[in-house]
C-alpha atoms as a PDB file:
ATOM      1  CA  MET A   1      -0.038  -0.016   0.029  1.00  0.00           C
ATOM      2  CA  HIS A   2       1.175   3.443  -0.863  1.00  0.00           C
ATOM      3  CA  PRO A   3       0.931   6.381   1.654  1.00  0.00           C
ATOM      4  CA  GLU A   4      -1.438   8.048  -0.919  1.00  0.00           C
ATOM      5  CA  ASP A   5      -3.645   5.015  -0.900  1.00  0.00           C
ATOM      6  CA  GLU A   6      -4.119   5.188   3.003  1.00  0.00           C
ATOM      7  CA  GLU A   7      -7.441   6.275   4.223  1.00  0.00           C
ATOM      8  CA  ILE A   8      -7.295   9.244   6.553  1.00  0.00           C
ATOM      9  CA  PHE A   9      -9.953   9.699   9.132  1.00  0.00           C
ATOM     10  CA  GLU A  10     -10.364  11.847  12.119  1.00  0.00           C
ATOM     11  CA  LEU A  11     -10.927  10.353  15.597  1.00  0.00           C
ATOM     12  CA  PRO A  12     -13.107  12.092  18.101  1.00  0.00           C
ATOM     13  CA  ILE A  13     -10.995  13.263  20.904  1.00  0.00           C
ATOM     14  CA  THR A  14     -12.445  12.335  24.292  1.00  0.00           C
ATOM     15  CA  ASP A  15     -10.903  11.277  27.680  1.00  0.00           C
ATOM     16  CA  VAL A  16     -11.423   7.533  26.580  1.00  0.00           C
ATOM     17  CA  PHE A  17      -9.491   5.958  23.518  1.00  0.00           C
ATOM     18  CA  ASP A  18     -10.176   2.299  22.565  1.00  0.00           C
ATOM     19  CA  LEU A  19      -7.204   1.008  20.520  1.00  0.00           C
ATOM     20  CA  HIS A  20      -9.275  -2.063  19.347  1.00  0.00           C
ATOM     21  CA  THR A  21      -9.765  -0.385  15.956  1.00  0.00           C
ATOM     22  CA  VAL A  22      -6.220   0.624  15.321  1.00  0.00           C
ATOM     23  CA  PRO A  23      -3.928  -1.678  13.303  1.00  0.00           C
ATOM     24  CA  PRO A  24      -0.877  -2.920  15.665  1.00  0.00           C
ATOM     25  CA  ARG A  25       1.618  -1.300  13.186  1.00  0.00           C
ATOM     26  CA  ASP A  26      -0.035   2.150  13.697  1.00  0.00           C
ATOM     27  CA  VAL A  27      -0.308   2.086  17.516  1.00  0.00           C
ATOM     28  CA  GLU A  28       2.656   4.095  18.457  1.00  0.00           C
ATOM     29  CA  ALA A  29       1.963   6.881  16.126  1.00  0.00           C
ATOM     30  CA  VAL A  30      -1.813   6.957  16.914  1.00  0.00           C
ATOM     31  CA  VAL A  31      -1.288   7.040  20.598  1.00  0.00           C
ATOM     32  CA  GLU A  32       1.204   9.862  20.438  1.00  0.00           C
ATOM     33  CA  ALA A  33      -1.055  11.882  18.268  1.00  0.00           C
ATOM     34  CA  TYR A  34      -4.151  11.122  20.486  1.00  0.00           C
ATOM     35  CA  VAL A  35      -2.349  12.141  23.711  1.00  0.00           C
ATOM     36  CA  GLU A  36      -1.089  15.401  22.142  1.00  0.00           C
ATOM     37  CA  ALA A  37      -4.699  16.164  20.655  1.00  0.00           C
ATOM     38  CA  ALA A  38      -6.371  15.394  24.132  1.00  0.00           C
ATOM     39  CA  ARG A  39      -3.907  17.616  25.966  1.00  0.00           C
ATOM     40  CA  GLU A  40      -4.719  20.538  23.321  1.00  0.00           C
ATOM     41  CA  LYS A  41      -8.399  19.935  24.088  1.00  0.00           C
ATOM     42  CA  GLY A  42      -7.603  20.519  27.783  1.00  0.00           C
ATOM     43  CA  PHE A  43      -7.914  16.842  29.001  1.00  0.00           C
ATOM     44  CA  ILE A  44      -5.750  15.956  32.022  1.00  0.00           C
ATOM     45  CA  HIS A  45      -6.944  12.506  32.653  1.00  0.00           C
ATOM     46  CA  LEU A  46      -7.262   9.839  30.003  1.00  0.00           C
ATOM     47  CA  ARG A  47      -7.984   6.376  29.841  1.00  0.00           C
ATOM     48  CA  ILE A  48      -6.399   4.105  26.857  1.00  0.00           C
ATOM     49  CA  ILE A  49      -8.058   0.780  26.291  1.00  0.00           C
ATOM     50  CA  HIS A  50      -5.643  -1.406  24.730  1.00  0.00           C
ATOM     51  CA  GLY A  51      -7.104  -4.911  25.761  1.00  0.00           C
ATOM     52  CA  LYS A  52      -5.716  -7.697  28.092  1.00  0.00           C
ATOM     53  CA  GLY A  53      -4.328  -9.976  25.531  1.00  0.00           C
ATOM     54  CA  ILE A  54      -0.608 -10.883  25.945  1.00  0.00           C
ATOM     55  CA  GLY A  55       0.450  -7.473  26.675  1.00  0.00           C
ATOM     56  CA  VAL A  56       2.002  -6.389  23.452  1.00  0.00           C
ATOM     57  CA  GLN A  57      -0.249  -3.247  23.123  1.00  0.00           C
ATOM     58  CA  ARG A  58      -0.024  -2.420  26.748  1.00  0.00           C
ATOM     59  CA  GLU A  59       3.695  -2.342  26.486  1.00  0.00           C
ATOM     60  CA  THR A  60       3.698  -0.397  23.395  1.00  0.00           C
ATOM     61  CA  VAL A  61       1.207   2.249  24.865  1.00  0.00           C
ATOM     62  CA  ARG A  62       3.403   2.560  28.111  1.00  0.00           C
ATOM     63  CA  ARG A  63       6.657   2.851  26.053  1.00  0.00           C
ATOM     64  CA  VAL A  64       4.982   5.701  24.012  1.00  0.00           C
ATOM     65  CA  LEU A  65       3.718   7.411  27.218  1.00  0.00           C
ATOM     66  CA  SER A  66       7.044   6.977  28.956  1.00  0.00           C
ATOM     67  CA  ARG A  67       8.811   9.227  26.433  1.00  0.00           C
ATOM     68  CA  MET A  68       6.226  11.932  26.195  1.00  0.00           C
ATOM     69  CA  PRO A  69       7.251  14.904  28.409  1.00  0.00           C
ATOM     70  CA  MET A  70       3.535  16.003  28.702  1.00  0.00           C
ATOM     71  CA  VAL A  71       2.687  12.778  30.518  1.00  0.00           C
ATOM     72  CA  GLU A  72       2.813  13.359  34.211  1.00  0.00           C
ATOM     73  CA  SER A  73       2.166   9.636  35.104  1.00  0.00           C
ATOM     74  CA  PHE A  74       0.285   6.421  34.029  1.00  0.00           C
ATOM     75  CA  GLN A  75      -0.917   3.386  35.715  1.00  0.00           C
ATOM     76  CA  THR A  76      -3.089   0.280  35.303  1.00  0.00           C
ATOM     77  CA  ALA A  77      -6.816   1.084  35.396  1.00  0.00           C
ATOM     78  CA  PRO A  78      -8.905  -0.253  38.359  1.00  0.00           C
ATOM     79  CA  GLU A  79     -10.912  -3.419  37.783  1.00  0.00           C
ATOM     80  CA  GLY A  80     -14.133  -1.521  37.093  1.00  0.00           C
ATOM     81  CA  ALA A  81     -12.428   0.643  34.383  1.00  0.00           C
ATOM     82  CA  GLY A  82     -10.804  -2.055  32.507  1.00  0.00           C
ATOM     83  CA  GLY A  83      -8.075  -3.528  34.821  1.00  0.00           C
ATOM     84  CA  TRP A  84      -4.811  -4.470  33.177  1.00  0.00           C
ATOM     85  CA  GLY A  85      -6.749  -3.972  29.845  1.00  0.00           C
ATOM     86  CA  ALA A  86      -6.669  -0.271  30.133  1.00  0.00           C
ATOM     87  CA  THR A  87      -4.026   2.486  31.147  1.00  0.00           C
ATOM     88  CA  LEU A  88      -4.944   5.623  33.055  1.00  0.00           C
ATOM     89  CA  VAL A  89      -2.885   8.564  32.019  1.00  0.00           C
ATOM     90  CA  THR A  90      -2.404  12.004  33.902  1.00  0.00           C
ATOM     91  CA  LEU A  91      -1.259  14.774  31.678  1.00  0.00           C
ATOM     92  CA  ARG A  92       0.902  17.763  32.714  1.00  0.00           C
ATOM     93  CA  PRO A  93      -1.234  21.129  32.577  1.00  0.00           C
ATOM     94  CA  LYS A  94      -0.497  23.328  29.494  1.00  0.00           C
END
């Protein structure tokens, strides 16, 4: 597939992002863009749903978050909010 053949679509930016619709090869770039856009919209607390699986998506998400200066902290969500299938993120205020 050529870059010009790729479909571009806009994601609604809310405080919850479900990665189940994102192809694994795009997760890093999409998470980074989502966090930046969420911060621009003024969100401080986010929940990224990556699923439980074998942990590959979780590790990818956390690797991206750990290198972003705008991320203050992140942790596993409580059981009622996805447990180890989701990561809670706190962003630094702008």
